[in-house]
Protein backbone atom coordinates (compact mmCIF):
# COMPACT_ATOMS: atom_id res chain seq x y z
CA MET A 1 -28.97 68.42 46.06
CA THR A 2 -28.77 65.92 49.16
CA LEU A 3 -25.74 64.04 50.24
CA SER A 4 -27.65 60.54 49.58
CA SER A 5 -28.45 61.38 46.09
CA GLN A 6 -24.59 62.39 45.29
CA ARG A 7 -23.88 59.30 46.81
CA GLY A 8 -26.05 57.51 44.05
CA ALA A 9 -24.85 59.14 41.04
CA ALA A 10 -21.24 58.21 42.11
CA THR A 11 -22.37 54.87 42.23
CA LEU A 12 -24.28 54.77 39.17
CA ALA A 13 -20.94 56.32 37.04
CA VAL A 14 -19.07 53.62 38.68
CA THR A 15 -21.17 50.90 37.65
CA LEU A 16 -21.18 51.95 34.08
CA MET A 17 -17.56 52.32 34.16
CA LEU A 18 -17.61 48.71 35.37
CA LEU A 19 -20.24 47.67 32.82
CA ALA A 20 -17.94 49.25 30.26
CA ALA A 21 -14.70 47.55 31.10
CA MET A 22 -16.49 44.51 31.31
CA LEU A 23 -17.72 45.31 27.45
CA VAL A 24 -14.45 45.70 26.01
CA THR A 25 -13.12 42.79 27.80
CA LEU A 26 -15.98 40.36 26.36
CA LEU A 27 -15.39 41.87 23.01
CA ALA A 28 -11.37 41.37 23.08
CA ALA A 29 -12.31 38.04 24.04
CA ASN A 30 -14.65 37.37 21.21
CA ARG A 31 -11.91 39.07 18.85
CA ASN A 32 -9.34 36.43 20.01
CA LEU A 33 -11.79 33.91 19.73
CA LEU A 34 -12.50 34.42 15.90
CA ILE A 35 -9.03 34.70 15.32
CA GLU A 36 -8.35 31.62 17.01
CA LEU A 37 -11.28 30.04 15.09
CA ARG A 38 -9.87 31.47 11.65
CA GLN A 39 -6.45 30.13 12.01
CA SER A 40 -7.85 26.80 12.99
CA SER A 41 -10.16 26.80 9.87
CA ASN A 42 -6.96 27.89 7.92
CA GLN A 43 -4.85 25.04 9.56
CA ALA A 44 -7.29 22.75 8.66
CA ASP A 45 -7.47 23.95 5.11
CA ALA A 46 -3.83 23.73 4.75
CA ALA A 47 -3.30 20.33 5.87
CA LEU A 48 -6.43 19.14 3.57
CA ALA A 49 -4.54 20.84 0.79
CA PHE A 50 -1.22 19.23 1.83
CA GLU A 51 -2.66 15.71 1.78
CA THR A 52 -4.99 16.22 -1.15
CA ALA A 53 -1.62 17.09 -3.15
CA GLU A 54 0.26 14.19 -1.63
CA ALA A 55 -2.96 11.94 -2.69
CA GLY A 56 -2.60 13.66 -6.18
CA LEU A 57 1.05 12.49 -6.53
CA ASP A 58 0.36 8.78 -5.42
CA TRP A 59 -2.65 8.64 -7.69
CA ALA A 60 -1.05 9.54 -10.90
CA LEU A 61 1.79 7.29 -9.90
CA ALA A 62 -0.55 4.29 -9.58
CA ARG A 63 -2.58 5.41 -12.82
CA LEU A 64 1.09 5.53 -14.71
CA ASN A 65 1.78 2.16 -13.41
CA ASP A 66 -1.94 0.78 -14.51
CA ASP A 67 -1.82 -1.06 -17.79
CA ALA A 68 -5.66 -0.40 -18.72
CA ARG A 69 -6.71 1.36 -21.10
CA THR A 70 -8.58 4.60 -19.70
CA GLY A 71 -11.25 6.83 -21.12
CA GLY A 72 -11.97 10.29 -20.50
CA ASP A 73 -13.08 9.92 -16.71
CA CYS A 74 -9.42 8.06 -16.07
CA GLN A 75 -11.50 4.91 -15.64
CA ALA A 76 -10.75 1.59 -17.40
CA ALA A 77 -12.87 1.79 -20.88
CA ALA A 78 -12.76 -1.20 -23.29
CA THR A 79 -12.93 1.03 -26.16
CA ALA A 80 -10.30 3.47 -25.39
CA ALA A 81 -6.99 3.56 -27.16
CA ARG A 82 -4.44 4.32 -25.19
CA SER A 83 -3.77 3.88 -21.35
CA PHE A 84 -2.91 6.76 -18.92
CA ARG A 85 0.66 6.55 -19.36
CA GLU A 86 0.27 6.94 -23.15
CA GLN A 87 -1.77 9.75 -22.61
CA LEU A 88 0.05 11.50 -20.51
CA LEU A 89 3.45 10.62 -22.46
CA ASP A 90 4.66 9.61 -25.96
CA THR A 91 6.03 5.79 -25.26
CA GLY A 92 7.13 5.59 -28.71
CA ILE A 93 10.34 6.60 -27.68
CA ALA A 94 13.42 5.47 -25.71
CA THR A 95 13.16 8.85 -23.45
CA PHE A 96 9.65 9.51 -22.62
CA THR A 97 8.26 12.79 -23.73
CA PRO A 98 5.06 14.63 -21.69
CA ARG A 99 2.57 15.54 -24.08
CA GLY A 100 1.35 18.71 -21.76
CA LEU A 101 -1.75 17.11 -20.36
CA ALA A 102 -2.88 17.93 -16.70
CA PRO A 103 -5.50 15.20 -15.55
CA ALA A 104 -7.65 16.74 -12.96
CA CYS A 105 -9.91 15.52 -10.08
CA VAL A 106 -12.21 16.95 -7.61
CA HIS A 107 -14.11 15.64 -4.54
CA GLY A 108 -17.78 16.14 -3.97
CA ALA A 109 -20.80 14.46 -2.46
CA SER A 110 -20.70 11.42 -4.69
CA GLY A 111 -17.14 10.93 -4.34
CA TRP A 112 -14.28 11.64 -6.43
CA ALA A 113 -14.61 12.93 -10.18
CA CYS A 114 -11.43 12.67 -12.34
CA GLY A 115 -11.09 13.88 -16.04
CA CYS A 116 -8.08 12.66 -18.29
CA GLY A 117 -9.13 14.75 -21.17
CA PRO A 118 -9.01 18.63 -22.08
CA MET A 119 -12.79 19.35 -20.75
CA GLY A 120 -11.02 18.49 -17.15
CA PRO A 121 -13.15 16.53 -14.39
CA VAL A 122 -16.04 14.25 -15.66
CA GLY A 123 -18.98 14.34 -13.48
CA PRO A 124 -21.25 17.16 -11.31
CA ALA A 125 -19.16 20.42 -10.07
CA ALA A 126 -17.70 19.89 -6.72
CA ASN A 127 -17.05 22.55 -3.86
CA GLY A 128 -14.71 19.94 -2.48
CA PRO A 129 -10.79 19.56 -2.31
CA GLY A 130 -9.55 19.20 -6.08
CA PHE A 131 -6.21 18.41 -7.61
CA THR A 132 -4.67 18.52 -11.03
CA VAL A 133 -1.41 16.47 -12.06
CA SER A 134 1.24 17.05 -14.89
CA VAL A 135 4.39 15.42 -15.97
CA GLN A 136 7.30 17.41 -16.78
CA PRO A 137 10.84 16.94 -18.02
CA GLY A 138 12.90 15.75 -15.29
CA PRO A 139 16.38 17.04 -14.04
CA GLN A 140 18.49 14.41 -16.11
CA ASP A 141 17.99 12.20 -18.97
CA GLY A 142 15.88 9.07 -18.04
CA ARG A 143 14.08 10.91 -15.37
CA LEU A 144 10.42 13.04 -15.12
CA LEU A 145 9.01 15.09 -12.89
CA LEU A 146 5.59 14.47 -11.87
CA VAL A 147 3.79 17.65 -9.99
CA ALA A 148 0.35 17.68 -8.15
CA SER A 149 -0.98 21.13 -7.19
CA ALA A 150 -4.07 20.71 -4.84
CA CYS A 151 -6.67 23.44 -2.96
CA ALA A 152 -8.78 22.43 0.06
CA HIS A 153 -11.96 24.15 -1.51
CA THR A 154 -12.72 24.87 -5.02
CA ALA A 155 -15.43 25.69 -7.22
CA GLY A 156 -13.48 24.24 -10.26
CA VAL A 157 -10.20 22.83 -9.67
CA CYS A 158 -7.34 24.46 -7.61
CA GLY A 159 -9.26 27.95 -7.82
CA ASP A 160 -8.42 31.28 -5.70
CA GLU A 161 -10.39 30.07 -2.87
CA GLY A 162 -8.98 28.11 -0.06
CA ALA A 163 -5.49 26.90 0.73
CA LEU A 164 -3.08 25.38 -1.94
CA ALA A 165 -0.24 23.04 -2.05
CA ARG A 166 2.25 21.93 -4.64
CA HIS A 167 4.03 18.62 -4.19
CA GLN A 168 6.56 17.19 -6.60
CA ALA A 169 8.53 14.16 -6.97
CA VAL A 170 11.06 12.42 -9.32
CA ILE A 171 10.44 9.55 -10.91
CA ALA A 172 12.05 6.86 -13.13
CA LEU A 173 11.23 3.66 -15.11
CA GLN A 174 12.29 0.64 -13.08
CA ALA A 175 12.75 -1.22 -16.25
CA ALA A 176 10.82 -4.76 -17.00
CA LEU A 177 13.82 -6.25 -17.82
CA PRO A 178 16.92 -4.21 -17.35
CA MET A 179 19.66 -6.87 -18.40
CA PRO A 180 17.97 -8.72 -21.31
CA PRO A 181 19.60 -12.14 -22.26
CA ALA A 182 22.31 -12.57 -25.05
CA ALA A 183 20.76 -15.60 -26.78
CA ALA A 184 17.62 -16.49 -28.29
CA LEU A 185 17.33 -19.14 -25.84
CA THR A 186 18.88 -18.91 -22.43
CA VAL A 187 19.05 -21.89 -19.90
CA ARG A 188 20.19 -21.16 -16.14
CA PRO A 189 23.45 -22.77 -15.49
CA ALA A 190 23.61 -25.83 -13.48
CA ALA A 191 25.89 -24.09 -11.06
CA THR A 192 23.76 -20.71 -10.60
CA PRO A 193 21.12 -20.86 -8.10
CA VAL A 194 17.65 -19.74 -9.32
CA GLY A 195 17.40 -16.52 -7.13
CA PRO A 196 20.70 -15.13 -8.44
CA PHE A 197 19.88 -16.11 -11.80
CA PHE A 198 16.51 -14.41 -12.04
CA ALA A 199 17.87 -11.43 -10.16
CA GLY A 200 20.53 -10.81 -12.78
CA LEU A 201 18.09 -10.84 -15.32
CA PHE A 202 15.17 -8.39 -13.57
CA GLY A 203 17.46 -6.57 -10.97
CA GLN A 204 15.56 -8.11 -8.25
CA SER A 205 13.69 -11.25 -6.61
CA LYS A 206 10.92 -12.74 -8.68
CA ALA A 207 8.84 -12.41 -5.82
CA SER A 208 9.38 -8.32 -6.03
CA TRP A 209 9.10 -8.18 -9.73
CA THR A 210 5.90 -10.07 -9.59
CA GLN A 211 4.09 -7.71 -6.97
CA GLN A 212 4.82 -4.32 -8.88
CA GLN A 213 1.86 -2.41 -9.82
CA ALA A 214 2.78 -2.54 -13.73
CA VAL A 215 2.44 -6.50 -13.45
CA ARG A 216 -0.81 -8.07 -14.24
CA ARG A 217 -1.18 -11.42 -12.59
CA ILE A 218 -3.13 -13.94 -13.85
CA ASP A 219 -4.67 -16.57 -11.81
CA CYS A 220 -4.35 -19.26 -14.58
CA HIS A 221 -3.34 -23.06 -14.90
CA GLY A 222 -3.38 -24.93 -18.03
CA ASP A 223 -4.80 -23.95 -21.08
CA CYS A 224 -4.27 -20.05 -20.45
CA GLY A 225 -4.63 -18.75 -24.00
CA ALA A 226 -7.57 -17.10 -23.78
CA ALA A 227 -6.66 -15.34 -20.47
CA VAL A 228 -3.56 -13.96 -21.61
CA THR A 229 -4.94 -12.89 -25.18
CA LEU A 230 -7.59 -11.02 -23.11
CA ALA A 231 -4.80 -9.13 -20.63
CA VAL A 232 -3.01 -8.28 -23.87
CA GLU A 233 -6.08 -6.92 -25.38
CA GLN A 234 -6.86 -4.99 -22.24
CA GLY A 235 -3.36 -3.03 -22.59
CA ALA A 236 -1.27 -5.35 -20.22
CA THR A 237 2.53 -6.18 -21.35
CA LEU A 238 4.06 -7.36 -18.12
CA LEU A 239 2.13 -11.00 -17.09
CA ALA A 240 2.74 -13.33 -14.26
CA LEU A 241 1.54 -16.51 -13.99
CA PRO A 242 1.48 -18.80 -10.93
CA GLY A 243 1.77 -22.21 -12.27
CA ASP A 244 2.19 -24.67 -15.33
CA VAL A 245 0.79 -22.78 -18.49
CA LEU A 246 -0.63 -23.73 -21.99
CA LEU A 247 -0.61 -21.47 -24.83
CA ARG A 248 -2.31 -23.13 -27.58
CA GLY A 249 -2.38 -21.41 -31.06
CA PRO A 250 -3.39 -19.87 -33.00
CA LEU A 251 -2.52 -16.82 -30.69
CA ALA A 252 -0.77 -13.43 -31.42
CA LEU A 253 0.53 -11.84 -28.28
CA GLY A 254 2.78 -8.50 -28.47
CA THR A 255 3.95 -6.51 -31.09
CA PRO A 256 7.36 -5.47 -32.18
CA GLU A 257 6.38 -1.95 -30.61
CA ARG A 258 4.82 -3.37 -27.70
CA PRO A 259 6.33 -6.79 -26.25
CA VAL A 260 4.96 -8.46 -24.01
CA LEU A 261 7.02 -10.14 -21.05
CA ILE A 262 5.68 -13.45 -19.51
CA VAL A 263 7.09 -14.80 -16.21
CA ALA A 264 5.45 -18.45 -15.46
CA ALA A 265 6.47 -20.18 -11.96
CA GLY A 266 6.04 -23.58 -13.45
CA THR A 267 5.95 -25.18 -17.07
CA LEU A 268 5.25 -22.92 -20.03
CA GLN A 269 4.18 -25.05 -23.23
CA LEU A 270 3.77 -23.55 -26.71
CA GLN A 271 1.56 -25.51 -28.42
CA GLY A 272 0.81 -24.73 -32.26
CA ALA A 273 0.93 -21.43 -34.22
CA VAL A 274 1.65 -19.17 -31.24
CA GLN A 275 3.32 -15.83 -32.30
CA LEU A 276 5.17 -13.96 -29.50
CA HIS A 277 6.86 -10.47 -29.63
CA GLY A 278 8.31 -10.37 -26.43
CA VAL A 279 10.24 -12.65 -23.43
CA ALA A 280 8.90 -15.51 -21.84
CA TYR A 281 10.46 -17.13 -18.71
CA ALA A 282 9.46 -20.41 -17.11
CA ALA A 283 10.56 -22.99 -14.74
CA SER A 284 10.85 -24.99 -17.80
CA LEU A 285 9.93 -24.34 -21.51
CA GLY A 286 8.23 -26.82 -24.18
CA TRP A 287 6.95 -26.83 -27.57
CA THR A 288 5.60 -28.55 -30.23
CA ALA A 289 4.45 -28.41 -33.55
CA PRO A 290 2.75 -26.64 -35.64
CA ALA A 291 5.26 -23.83 -35.68
CA ALA A 292 5.34 -21.54 -32.61
CA THR A 293 7.32 -18.05 -33.81
CA VAL A 294 9.14 -16.22 -31.25
CA ARG A 295 10.69 -12.81 -31.52
CA GLY A 296 12.71 -11.90 -28.83
CA ALA A 297 14.08 -14.35 -26.04
CA LEU A 298 13.09 -17.48 -24.41
CA ILE A 299 14.46 -18.14 -20.68
CA SER A 300 14.37 -21.22 -18.86
CA GLU A 301 15.36 -22.00 -15.31
CA GLY A 302 15.47 -25.60 -15.81
CA GLY A 303 15.16 -27.66 -19.39
CA ALA A 304 13.74 -26.29 -22.56
CA ALA A 305 12.86 -29.03 -25.34
CA GLY A 306 10.63 -29.44 -28.20
CA ASP A 307 10.97 -30.24 -31.79
CA ALA A 308 12.47 -28.18 -34.80
CA SER A 309 9.55 -26.53 -35.87
CA LEU A 310 10.33 -23.61 -33.16
CA ASP A 311 10.66 -20.41 -35.09
CA LEU A 312 13.10 -18.56 -32.64
CA GLN A 313 14.80 -15.40 -33.29
CA LEU A 314 16.58 -12.68 -30.95
CA ASP A 315 14.93 -9.43 -31.63
CA ALA A 316 17.13 -6.69 -30.42
CA ALA A 317 14.49 -3.84 -30.73
CA VAL A 318 11.90 -6.05 -28.71
CA LEU A 319 14.73 -6.59 -25.73
CA ASP A 320 15.42 -2.79 -26.18
CA ALA A 321 11.70 -1.87 -25.59
CA LEU A 322 11.68 -3.96 -22.65
CA ARG A 323 14.72 -2.49 -20.99
CA THR A 324 13.84 1.15 -21.93
CA ARG A 325 9.96 1.48 -22.14
CA GLN A 326 8.35 -1.61 -20.38
CA GLY A 327 8.06 -1.49 -16.62
CA GLY A 328 7.10 0.69 -13.53
CA PHE A 329 7.68 4.16 -12.50
CA VAL A 330 8.81 4.73 -8.76
CA ARG A 331 9.97 7.88 -7.20
CA VAL A 332 13.65 8.57 -6.76
CA ALA A 333 14.92 8.93 -3.24
CA GLY A 334 15.39 12.35 -2.52
CA GLY A 335 13.52 13.51 -5.20
CA TRP A 336 10.50 15.00 -3.54
CA ARG A 337 9.33 18.35 -2.40
CA ASP A 338 6.65 20.13 -1.07
CA PHE A 339 5.57 23.97 -1.08
C-alpha cells in the first residue's frame, strides 16, 4: 500500500466522522424542535381550555339571569315549561336548591351546540372545545357555587383527550326588591329626593337596576297591556318601561308564587279589571273603575290618585318572593378560582 492511498483512507475516515457528528447534531436539533412544538401545542390547549372554562361560567351566569323559558337545546322555546334557572334550581323555596343537572356545550364546524337535558348537547358530534356547568351548594346560606369544567379537544364533552380546566365562582342573588315597602301604597315624601327614595327600596340606582340582565326592558308607550302580558307569558318577572304606561283590563299579571315587578319611568295608569300579583313602581300612579286588584304593593315617586274601586292589599308572601327569589345572580367578590 502506498503512502497516497493511506492518506486517502484517513481522509475518508475523518469525513465519515464529521458526517456522523452532523447527523447527531441534526437529530438533536430535530428532537428539540419536536419538544418545542409539543410544548407550544400543550400551551395552546391549556389556554383554550382555560378560556373555555371561563366562557362556561359567563354563559351559565347569563343563562341563569335570562327569564326566557328554554328547551332541551338551552334556547328560548315558547312550548318550554321552565327557564334555565328553574331547570337547574328549585326556586319554590327561599333557599335555592340545586337539582343536580349539568348542562353542556361543545363547539363544532357549525358553532356551539348545547344541551340542558340528560342527553347532553343537541346537534352533531363535535371535536372542538367543550364545557359542562353545574350549580352546587355554596359555602354559606344564600350563596351558590357555579362550576365549569372544560377541555380543549373532545369527542364528547371533556373526555380523556386534550387539556382540562376547572373554574368556579361563588354567586349570590341580587334581590329584585331587597327592602320592600311597609304599606300597600307608598308615596315618596316630599323631602326625600327621587334617587335616594328608589335606592332605599331597590338597593341601587334606577339606571343600574334597569340595566340588569334579569330585567326585561319593554319599549312601549301608551296602552302596553298586550306587550306586558306577552313578556310575562314568556317568563319575565322584572319589567322596565320607559315612559307613560296604560294597563287596561282584563289583564292577569303574575301569581302569588311568581309575582311581577313593574318599574315605569312615567305615569302608570290601571284601567279596568287588572289583576296584579306583585309590585308596581312609577313616577306617578292612577286607577279608574271597574275595579283593579293588586296583591303586593304600589309605589309612587309623585302622586297617586283614583276612585274607590281599587282593591289593594299588602301581600307579605308576594313581597317576600321579590326579596328572596326574584332578581339576578352576580359573582361574589373573592369567590373565583381556577384549577
